[in-house]
């Protein structure tokens, strides 16, 4: 597991503390690996999920830090979404 994925798991679990997420989502961080978010929080993994969001490391880190809105990233082509778009939108509100 890469350092980027490890830091992402920690940051996502901190952001999601006490905020339930009903569904499953995968963040594919290009060249680094994947982070799964589900009702139990975030963990490294690559299992099938309801929605997959793909971005490069810089974009993912900007979204996590709050410097880049996930919707803006999607609209500008920096974030690709495959699967349940409604769930992707719900995830955005959990992370902000």
N, C-alpha and C. Protein backbone atom coordinates (compact mmCIF):
# COMPACT_ATOMS: atom_id res chain seq x y z
N UNK A 1 0.86 -1.17 0.00
CA UNK A 1 0.00 0.00 0.00
C UNK A 1 0.90 1.24 0.00
N UNK A 2 0.56 2.20 -0.85
CA UNK A 2 1.39 3.40 -0.96
C UNK A 2 1.14 4.35 0.20
N UNK A 3 2.08 5.26 0.41
CA UNK A 3 1.94 6.26 1.46
C UNK A 3 0.74 7.17 1.19
N UNK A 4 0.48 7.46 -0.08
CA UNK A 4 -0.67 8.30 -0.45
C UNK A 4 -1.97 7.64 -0.02
N UNK A 5 -2.10 6.35 -0.27
CA UNK A 5 -3.30 5.61 0.11
C UNK A 5 -3.44 5.56 1.63
N UNK A 6 -2.35 5.31 2.32
CA UNK A 6 -2.39 5.25 3.79
C UNK A 6 -2.86 6.58 4.37
N UNK A 7 -2.30 7.68 3.88
CA UNK A 7 -2.70 9.00 4.36
C UNK A 7 -4.15 9.29 4.01
N UNK A 8 -4.58 8.85 2.83
CA UNK A 8 -5.96 9.07 2.41
C UNK A 8 -6.94 8.34 3.31
N UNK A 9 -6.62 7.10 3.66
CA UNK A 9 -7.49 6.32 4.56
C UNK A 9 -7.63 7.04 5.89
N UNK A 10 -6.51 7.49 6.45
CA UNK A 10 -6.55 8.19 7.73
C UNK A 10 -7.36 9.48 7.64
N UNK A 11 -7.13 10.27 6.59
CA UNK A 11 -7.84 11.54 6.43
C UNK A 11 -9.34 11.33 6.21
N UNK A 12 -9.70 10.32 5.42
CA UNK A 12 -11.12 10.05 5.17
C UNK A 12 -11.82 9.57 6.42
N UNK A 13 -11.17 8.71 7.20
CA UNK A 13 -11.79 8.24 8.44
C UNK A 13 -12.00 9.39 9.41
N UNK A 14 -11.06 10.32 9.44
CA UNK A 14 -11.20 11.49 10.30
C UNK A 14 -12.37 12.37 9.83
N UNK A 15 -12.47 12.60 8.53
CA UNK A 15 -13.56 13.42 7.97
C UNK A 15 -14.93 12.78 8.18
N UNK A 16 -14.97 11.45 8.12
CA UNK A 16 -16.24 10.74 8.18
C UNK A 16 -16.67 10.39 9.60
N UNK A 17 -15.86 10.66 10.58
CA UNK A 17 -16.18 10.29 11.96
C UNK A 17 -17.57 10.79 12.33
N UNK A 18 -18.45 9.86 12.66
CA UNK A 18 -19.80 10.21 13.07
C UNK A 18 -20.73 10.55 11.92
N UNK A 19 -20.26 10.42 10.67
CA UNK A 19 -21.09 10.71 9.50
C UNK A 19 -21.26 9.42 8.70
N UNK A 20 -22.39 8.78 8.83
CA UNK A 20 -22.59 7.51 8.14
C UNK A 20 -22.65 7.68 6.61
N UNK A 21 -22.20 6.66 5.90
CA UNK A 21 -22.29 6.63 4.44
C UNK A 21 -22.99 5.35 4.04
N UNK A 22 -24.16 5.47 3.47
CA UNK A 22 -24.98 4.33 3.10
C UNK A 22 -24.70 3.96 1.64
N UNK A 23 -23.80 3.04 1.45
CA UNK A 23 -23.40 2.61 0.11
C UNK A 23 -21.92 2.30 0.14
N UNK A 24 -21.34 2.17 -1.05
CA UNK A 24 -19.91 1.93 -1.13
C UNK A 24 -19.33 2.70 -2.32
N UNK A 25 -18.15 3.25 -2.10
CA UNK A 25 -17.48 4.03 -3.15
C UNK A 25 -16.00 3.68 -3.14
N UNK A 26 -15.41 3.75 -4.32
CA UNK A 26 -13.99 3.48 -4.45
C UNK A 26 -13.33 4.71 -5.06
N UNK A 27 -12.26 5.20 -4.42
CA UNK A 27 -11.42 6.24 -4.99
C UNK A 27 -10.22 5.55 -5.60
N UNK A 28 -10.11 5.60 -6.91
CA UNK A 28 -8.93 5.07 -7.60
C UNK A 28 -7.96 6.24 -7.75
N UNK A 29 -6.82 6.16 -7.08
CA UNK A 29 -5.81 7.20 -7.16
C UNK A 29 -4.75 6.70 -8.14
N UNK A 30 -4.70 7.32 -9.30
CA UNK A 30 -3.85 6.85 -10.39
C UNK A 30 -2.40 6.66 -9.95
N UNK A 31 -1.88 5.46 -10.19
CA UNK A 31 -0.50 5.15 -9.86
C UNK A 31 -0.24 4.84 -8.39
N UNK A 32 -1.29 4.91 -7.55
CA UNK A 32 -1.10 4.71 -6.11
C UNK A 32 -1.90 3.53 -5.55
N UNK A 33 -3.15 3.38 -5.97
CA UNK A 33 -4.01 2.33 -5.45
C UNK A 33 -5.42 2.83 -5.24
N UNK A 34 -6.16 2.12 -4.41
CA UNK A 34 -7.57 2.45 -4.21
C UNK A 34 -7.93 2.51 -2.74
N UNK A 35 -8.91 3.38 -2.45
CA UNK A 35 -9.46 3.51 -1.11
C UNK A 35 -10.95 3.25 -1.21
N UNK A 36 -11.46 2.40 -0.35
CA UNK A 36 -12.88 2.06 -0.31
C UNK A 36 -13.54 2.80 0.85
N UNK A 37 -14.71 3.37 0.58
CA UNK A 37 -15.50 4.01 1.63
C UNK A 37 -16.84 3.28 1.67
N UNK A 38 -17.24 2.86 2.88
CA UNK A 38 -18.53 2.20 3.06
C UNK A 38 -19.07 2.54 4.44
N UNK A 39 -20.07 1.79 4.90
CA UNK A 39 -20.70 2.10 6.20
C UNK A 39 -19.73 1.96 7.37
N UNK A 40 -18.60 1.28 7.15
CA UNK A 40 -17.61 1.08 8.22
C UNK A 40 -16.49 2.11 8.19
N UNK A 41 -16.52 3.03 7.23
CA UNK A 41 -15.46 4.03 7.10
C UNK A 41 -14.62 3.78 5.87
N UNK A 42 -13.35 4.17 5.93
CA UNK A 42 -12.44 4.05 4.79
C UNK A 42 -11.38 3.00 5.07
N UNK A 43 -11.00 2.27 4.02
CA UNK A 43 -9.91 1.31 4.10
C UNK A 43 -9.30 1.11 2.72
N UNK A 44 -8.07 0.66 2.67
CA UNK A 44 -7.44 0.34 1.40
C UNK A 44 -8.06 -0.93 0.86
N UNK A 45 -8.28 -0.98 -0.43
CA UNK A 45 -8.85 -2.18 -1.03
C UNK A 45 -9.20 -1.94 -2.48
N UNK A 46 -9.67 -2.98 -3.13
CA UNK A 46 -10.01 -2.86 -4.54
C UNK A 46 -11.24 -3.70 -4.88
N UNK A 47 -12.13 -3.88 -3.90
CA UNK A 47 -13.34 -4.65 -4.17
C UNK A 47 -14.34 -3.82 -4.99
N UNK A 48 -15.35 -4.50 -5.53
CA UNK A 48 -16.39 -3.83 -6.31
C UNK A 48 -17.20 -2.92 -5.39
N UNK A 49 -17.59 -1.75 -5.92
CA UNK A 49 -18.38 -0.78 -5.16
C UNK A 49 -19.51 -0.24 -6.04
N UNK A 50 -20.40 0.53 -5.42
CA UNK A 50 -21.52 1.12 -6.14
C UNK A 50 -21.09 2.21 -7.12
N UNK A 51 -20.00 2.90 -6.78
CA UNK A 51 -19.48 3.98 -7.62
C UNK A 51 -17.96 4.01 -7.50
N UNK A 52 -17.30 4.32 -8.60
CA UNK A 52 -15.85 4.46 -8.61
C UNK A 52 -15.49 5.85 -9.09
N UNK A 53 -14.65 6.52 -8.31
CA UNK A 53 -14.18 7.86 -8.66
C UNK A 53 -12.69 7.76 -8.92
N UNK A 54 -12.24 8.26 -10.06
CA UNK A 54 -10.84 8.14 -10.45
C UNK A 54 -10.24 9.52 -10.65
N UNK A 55 -9.07 9.72 -10.05
CA UNK A 55 -8.37 11.00 -10.19
C UNK A 55 -6.88 10.77 -9.97
N UNK A 56 -6.07 11.75 -10.38
CA UNK A 56 -4.65 11.67 -10.08
C UNK A 56 -4.42 12.09 -8.62
N UNK A 57 -3.22 11.88 -8.16
CA UNK A 57 -2.90 12.14 -6.75
C UNK A 57 -3.16 13.60 -6.38
N UNK A 58 -2.71 14.53 -7.22
CA UNK A 58 -2.88 15.95 -6.92
C UNK A 58 -4.35 16.35 -6.79
N UNK A 59 -5.18 15.86 -7.70
CA UNK A 59 -6.61 16.17 -7.65
C UNK A 59 -7.24 15.57 -6.40
N UNK A 60 -6.93 14.32 -6.10
CA UNK A 60 -7.49 13.66 -4.93
C UNK A 60 -7.10 14.40 -3.65
N UNK A 61 -5.83 14.77 -3.53
CA UNK A 61 -5.37 15.48 -2.34
C UNK A 61 -6.04 16.85 -2.22
N UNK A 62 -6.27 17.52 -3.35
CA UNK A 62 -6.95 18.82 -3.34
C UNK A 62 -8.40 18.69 -2.89
N UNK A 63 -9.06 17.63 -3.32
CA UNK A 63 -10.45 17.37 -2.89
C UNK A 63 -10.47 17.09 -1.39
N UNK A 64 -9.56 16.24 -0.93
CA UNK A 64 -9.52 15.88 0.48
C UNK A 64 -9.24 17.09 1.38
N UNK A 65 -8.38 17.98 0.93
CA UNK A 65 -8.01 19.13 1.76
C UNK A 65 -9.07 20.23 1.72
N UNK A 66 -10.03 20.10 0.79
CA UNK A 66 -11.07 21.10 0.68
C UNK A 66 -10.72 22.23 -0.29
N UNK A 67 -9.57 22.12 -0.94
CA UNK A 67 -9.16 23.15 -1.89
C UNK A 67 -9.86 23.02 -3.24
N UNK A 68 -10.41 21.85 -3.53
CA UNK A 68 -11.09 21.60 -4.80
C UNK A 68 -12.43 20.93 -4.53
N UNK A 69 -13.48 21.52 -5.03
CA UNK A 69 -14.82 20.96 -4.89
C UNK A 69 -14.93 19.73 -5.80
N UNK A 70 -15.44 18.60 -5.28
CA UNK A 70 -15.55 17.40 -6.11
C UNK A 70 -16.38 17.62 -7.37
N UNK A 71 -17.45 18.41 -7.29
CA UNK A 71 -18.28 18.68 -8.46
C UNK A 71 -17.49 19.45 -9.51
N UNK A 72 -16.73 20.44 -9.07
CA UNK A 72 -15.90 21.21 -9.99
C UNK A 72 -14.84 20.32 -10.64
N UNK A 73 -14.27 19.41 -9.86
CA UNK A 73 -13.28 18.48 -10.40
C UNK A 73 -13.91 17.60 -11.48
N UNK A 74 -15.12 17.15 -11.24
CA UNK A 74 -15.83 16.33 -12.23
C UNK A 74 -16.14 17.13 -13.49
N UNK A 75 -16.64 18.35 -13.30
CA UNK A 75 -17.05 19.19 -14.44
C UNK A 75 -15.85 19.60 -15.31
N UNK A 76 -14.66 19.67 -14.72
CA UNK A 76 -13.47 20.06 -15.49
C UNK A 76 -12.69 18.84 -15.99
N UNK A 77 -13.22 17.64 -15.76
CA UNK A 77 -12.57 16.43 -16.26
C UNK A 77 -11.42 15.92 -15.41
N UNK A 78 -11.22 16.49 -14.23
CA UNK A 78 -10.15 16.03 -13.34
C UNK A 78 -10.56 14.81 -12.52
N UNK A 79 -11.88 14.58 -12.41
CA UNK A 79 -12.42 13.47 -11.64
C UNK A 79 -13.40 12.71 -12.52
N UNK A 80 -13.14 11.42 -12.72
CA UNK A 80 -14.05 10.58 -13.49
C UNK A 80 -14.93 9.78 -12.53
N UNK A 81 -16.21 9.64 -12.89
CA UNK A 81 -17.16 8.91 -12.05
C UNK A 81 -17.77 7.80 -12.89
N UNK A 82 -17.75 6.57 -12.35
CA UNK A 82 -18.33 5.42 -13.02
C UNK A 82 -19.26 4.72 -12.03
N UNK A 83 -20.55 4.69 -12.35
CA UNK A 83 -21.50 4.04 -11.45
C UNK A 83 -22.58 4.99 -11.00
N UNK A 84 -23.00 4.84 -9.77
CA UNK A 84 -24.13 5.57 -9.19
C UNK A 84 -23.79 7.04 -8.93
N UNK A 85 -24.21 7.92 -9.85
CA UNK A 85 -23.90 9.34 -9.74
C UNK A 85 -24.54 9.96 -8.49
N UNK A 86 -25.73 9.52 -8.11
CA UNK A 86 -26.38 10.03 -6.91
C UNK A 86 -25.56 9.73 -5.67
N UNK A 87 -24.99 8.55 -5.62
CA UNK A 87 -24.14 8.16 -4.49
C UNK A 87 -22.85 8.99 -4.49
N UNK A 88 -22.32 9.29 -5.66
CA UNK A 88 -21.13 10.13 -5.76
C UNK A 88 -21.43 11.52 -5.20
N UNK A 89 -22.60 12.05 -5.50
CA UNK A 89 -22.99 13.37 -4.99
C UNK A 89 -23.15 13.32 -3.46
N UNK A 90 -23.72 12.25 -2.96
CA UNK A 90 -23.89 12.08 -1.51
C UNK A 90 -22.53 12.01 -0.82
N UNK A 91 -21.59 11.35 -1.46
CA UNK A 91 -20.24 11.25 -0.91
C UNK A 91 -19.60 12.63 -0.81
N UNK A 92 -19.84 13.47 -1.81
CA UNK A 92 -19.31 14.83 -1.77
C UNK A 92 -19.77 15.58 -0.55
N UNK A 93 -21.02 15.41 -0.17
CA UNK A 93 -21.54 16.12 1.00
C UNK A 93 -20.98 15.54 2.31
N UNK A 94 -20.67 14.27 2.33
CA UNK A 94 -20.08 13.65 3.52
C UNK A 94 -18.66 14.17 3.73
N UNK A 95 -17.95 14.41 2.63
CA UNK A 95 -16.55 14.81 2.72
C UNK A 95 -16.34 16.29 2.92
N UNK A 96 -17.36 17.09 2.69
CA UNK A 96 -17.14 18.55 2.81
C UNK A 96 -17.37 19.05 4.22
